[in-house]
């Protein structure tokens, strides 16, 4: 609440100060002998003008914020969708190590160009996923099944984080299934 009032003060400080000066002038006139009815009418008009001005400033600021959020929403949704698509491709290519290098490089390039459009958790999850994907070849060569499973879980968790970053409801019955890397081969 105080943050909103601070913004209103920042925007409306000049009209508020002008009204304060006018009120001081009116008080001076009152003390100089202005009739009570005229003085009260003038003060009421000034207070009404102040309320109308502050309301207009507040509503215009809220409207500006809403328009800015809506403009950014399309770009953020598009970025999340592209990150999600690259993440899915990354998951499918985890078992093809030659293609994996290419998709990791693609993810890195895309992340460099678009990461600020993602939410902080989605940004971190996407980057961690493609960096962890790069480790899969070594983990498999070392036959470290526990580390391989943990890495796989970490990579696949990124999809849930990216999906939740856009707050879209999940499709009922939808389940992602990816070929899980194995130590055999």
Protein backbone atom coordinates (compact mmCIF):
# COMPACT_ATOMS: atom_id res chain seq x y z
CA UNK A 1 0.00 0.00 0.00
CA UNK A 2 2.76 2.46 0.94
CA UNK A 3 4.59 1.67 -2.28
CA UNK A 4 1.51 2.75 -4.26
CA UNK A 5 1.20 5.94 -2.23
CA UNK A 6 4.88 6.64 -2.89
CA UNK A 7 4.27 6.38 -6.62
CA UNK A 8 1.26 8.66 -6.38
CA UNK A 9 3.33 11.20 -4.45
CA UNK A 10 6.08 10.97 -7.07
CA UNK A 11 3.63 11.61 -9.89
CA UNK A 12 1.27 14.06 -8.17
CA UNK A 13 3.66 16.05 -5.99
CA UNK A 14 3.41 19.21 -8.12
CA UNK A 15 -0.43 19.34 -8.13
CA UNK A 16 -0.47 18.57 -4.41
CA UNK A 17 2.02 21.33 -3.67
CA UNK A 18 0.04 23.77 -5.82
CA UNK A 19 -3.14 22.91 -3.95
CA UNK A 20 -1.32 23.39 -0.64
CA UNK A 21 -0.20 26.85 -1.76
CA UNK A 22 -3.77 27.71 -2.78
CA UNK A 23 -5.08 26.49 0.58
CA UNK A 24 -2.56 28.70 2.37
CA UNK A 25 -3.67 31.65 0.24
CA UNK A 26 -7.29 30.89 1.05
CA UNK A 27 -6.52 30.77 4.74
CA UNK A 28 -4.87 34.15 4.37
CA UNK A 29 -8.01 35.45 2.63
CA UNK A 30 -10.15 34.01 5.40
CA UNK A 31 -8.16 35.82 7.98
CA UNK A 32 -8.45 38.97 5.87
CA UNK A 33 -12.22 38.95 6.19
CA UNK A 34 -13.65 36.73 3.39
CA UNK A 35 -17.27 35.78 4.27
CA UNK A 36 -17.66 32.27 5.77
CA UNK A 37 -19.96 30.92 3.03
CA UNK A 38 -17.65 32.02 0.24
CA UNK A 39 -14.62 30.66 2.08
CA UNK A 40 -16.24 27.26 2.66
CA UNK A 41 -17.34 27.06 -0.98
CA UNK A 42 -13.81 27.82 -2.15
CA UNK A 43 -12.23 25.30 0.22
CA UNK A 44 -14.79 22.64 -0.83
CA UNK A 45 -14.01 23.26 -4.51
CA UNK A 46 -10.28 22.94 -3.88
CA UNK A 47 -10.70 19.72 -1.87
CA UNK A 48 -12.96 18.27 -4.59
CA UNK A 49 -10.38 19.21 -7.24
CA UNK A 50 -7.62 17.60 -5.20
CA UNK A 51 -9.59 14.38 -4.80
CA UNK A 52 -10.42 14.30 -8.53
CA UNK A 53 -6.78 14.97 -9.48
CA UNK A 54 -5.40 12.30 -7.17
CA UNK A 55 -7.98 9.78 -8.38
CA UNK A 56 -7.11 10.49 -11.99
CA UNK A 57 -3.38 10.20 -11.29
CA UNK A 58 -3.85 6.95 -9.41
CA UNK A 59 -6.05 5.39 -12.11
CA UNK A 60 -3.76 6.50 -14.94
CA UNK A 61 -0.75 5.00 -13.12
CA UNK A 62 -2.59 1.71 -12.62
CA UNK A 63 -3.63 1.72 -16.28
CA UNK A 64 -0.03 2.34 -17.36
CA UNK A 65 1.21 -0.54 -15.20
CA UNK A 66 -1.46 -2.87 -16.55
CA UNK A 67 -0.64 -1.99 -20.17
CA UNK A 68 3.06 -2.54 -19.51
CA UNK A 69 2.40 -5.92 -17.89
CA UNK A 70 0.18 -7.02 -20.78
CA UNK A 71 2.76 -5.93 -23.35
CA UNK A 72 5.46 -7.93 -21.56
CA UNK A 73 3.15 -10.92 -21.08
CA UNK A 74 3.15 -11.88 -24.77
CA UNK A 75 6.94 -11.75 -24.97
CA UNK A 76 7.34 -13.69 -21.72
CA UNK A 77 4.86 -16.35 -22.82
CA UNK A 78 6.63 -16.70 -26.15
CA UNK A 79 10.02 -16.99 -24.44
CA UNK A 80 8.72 -19.61 -22.01
CA UNK A 81 7.23 -21.61 -24.89
CA UNK A 82 10.50 -21.52 -26.83
CA UNK A 83 12.49 -22.48 -23.74
CA UNK A 84 10.06 -25.34 -23.11
CA UNK A 85 10.36 -26.55 -26.71
CA UNK A 86 14.17 -26.51 -26.50
CA UNK A 87 14.04 -28.28 -23.14
CA UNK A 88 11.84 -31.04 -24.61
CA UNK A 89 14.21 -31.48 -27.55
CA UNK A 90 17.11 -31.58 -25.09
CA UNK A 91 15.39 -34.35 -23.11
CA UNK A 92 14.77 -36.42 -26.24
CA UNK A 93 18.35 -36.04 -27.41
CA UNK A 94 19.97 -37.02 -24.11
CA UNK A 95 20.57 -40.50 -25.50
CA UNK A 96 22.11 -39.23 -28.77
CA UNK A 97 25.39 -37.69 -27.66
CA UNK A 98 26.38 -36.36 -31.10
CA UNK A 99 23.12 -34.43 -31.45
CA UNK A 100 23.27 -33.46 -27.79
CA UNK A 101 26.25 -31.13 -28.30
CA UNK A 102 24.32 -29.31 -31.02
CA UNK A 103 21.17 -28.81 -28.91
CA UNK A 104 23.22 -27.71 -25.88
CA UNK A 105 24.91 -25.07 -28.05
CA UNK A 106 21.50 -24.04 -29.42
CA UNK A 107 20.13 -23.76 -25.87
CA UNK A 108 23.13 -21.67 -24.80
CA UNK A 109 22.73 -19.29 -27.75
CA UNK A 110 18.98 -18.98 -27.18
CA UNK A 111 19.51 -18.41 -23.44
CA UNK A 112 22.04 -15.63 -24.15
CA UNK A 113 19.50 -13.86 -26.38
CA UNK A 114 16.29 -14.43 -24.37
CA UNK A 115 16.97 -15.26 -20.73
CA UNK A 116 15.69 -11.95 -19.36
CA UNK A 117 12.19 -12.69 -20.69
CA UNK A 118 11.96 -15.76 -18.45
CA UNK A 119 11.16 -15.61 -14.76
CA UNK A 120 14.19 -16.04 -12.50
CA UNK A 121 13.33 -19.66 -11.56
CA UNK A 122 12.66 -20.60 -15.20
CA UNK A 123 15.86 -18.88 -16.31
CA UNK A 124 17.92 -20.79 -13.75
CA UNK A 125 16.19 -24.12 -14.43
CA UNK A 126 16.64 -23.86 -18.20
CA UNK A 127 20.33 -23.00 -17.92
CA UNK A 128 20.94 -25.76 -15.36
CA UNK A 129 19.14 -28.28 -17.56
CA UNK A 130 21.30 -27.75 -20.63
CA UNK A 131 24.49 -27.57 -18.56
CA UNK A 132 23.53 -30.80 -16.76
CA UNK A 133 22.70 -32.42 -20.10
CA UNK A 134 26.29 -31.83 -21.15
CA UNK A 135 27.40 -33.98 -18.15
CA UNK A 136 25.28 -36.98 -19.14
CA UNK A 137 27.92 -38.48 -21.45
CA UNK A 138 30.57 -38.47 -18.71
CA UNK A 139 28.18 -39.80 -16.08
CA UNK A 140 27.21 -42.65 -18.37
CA UNK A 141 30.84 -43.41 -19.22
CA UNK A 142 31.65 -43.53 -15.49
CA UNK A 143 28.66 -45.83 -14.92
CA UNK A 144 27.54 -43.75 -11.97
CA UNK A 145 23.90 -44.79 -11.90
CA UNK A 146 22.99 -42.68 -8.86
CA UNK A 147 24.54 -39.50 -10.28
CA UNK A 148 23.01 -40.26 -13.68
CA UNK A 149 19.53 -40.59 -12.12
CA UNK A 150 19.94 -37.40 -10.06
CA UNK A 151 21.11 -35.50 -13.14
CA UNK A 152 18.18 -36.86 -15.15
CA UNK A 153 15.73 -35.79 -12.43
CA UNK A 154 17.25 -32.33 -12.32
CA UNK A 155 17.01 -31.93 -16.09
CA UNK A 156 13.40 -33.11 -16.25
CA UNK A 157 12.39 -30.87 -13.32
CA UNK A 158 13.28 -27.85 -15.47
CA UNK A 159 10.23 -28.48 -17.64
CA UNK A 160 7.88 -28.23 -14.69
CA UNK A 161 9.53 -24.99 -13.57
CA UNK A 162 9.32 -23.45 -17.06
CA UNK A 163 5.70 -24.54 -17.39
CA UNK A 164 4.74 -23.11 -14.00
CA UNK A 165 6.41 -19.81 -14.88
CA UNK A 166 3.53 -18.95 -17.20
CA UNK A 167 0.82 -20.09 -14.77
CA UNK A 168 -1.14 -22.03 -17.35
CA UNK A 169 -3.27 -24.89 -16.06
CA UNK A 170 -1.99 -28.35 -16.92
CA UNK A 171 -3.92 -30.45 -19.40
CA UNK A 172 -5.71 -33.22 -17.58
CA UNK A 173 -4.13 -36.60 -18.14
CA UNK A 174 -1.04 -35.17 -19.87
CA UNK A 175 2.23 -36.77 -18.89
CA UNK A 176 5.61 -36.18 -20.46
CA UNK A 177 7.48 -39.35 -21.20
CA UNK A 178 11.05 -39.24 -22.35
CA UNK A 179 13.41 -42.08 -23.08
CA UNK A 180 15.43 -42.36 -19.89
CA UNK A 181 19.19 -42.82 -20.44
CA UNK A 182 20.52 -46.15 -19.36
CA UNK A 183 23.98 -47.48 -18.60
CA UNK A 184 23.60 -50.30 -21.11
CA UNK A 185 24.83 -49.76 -24.63
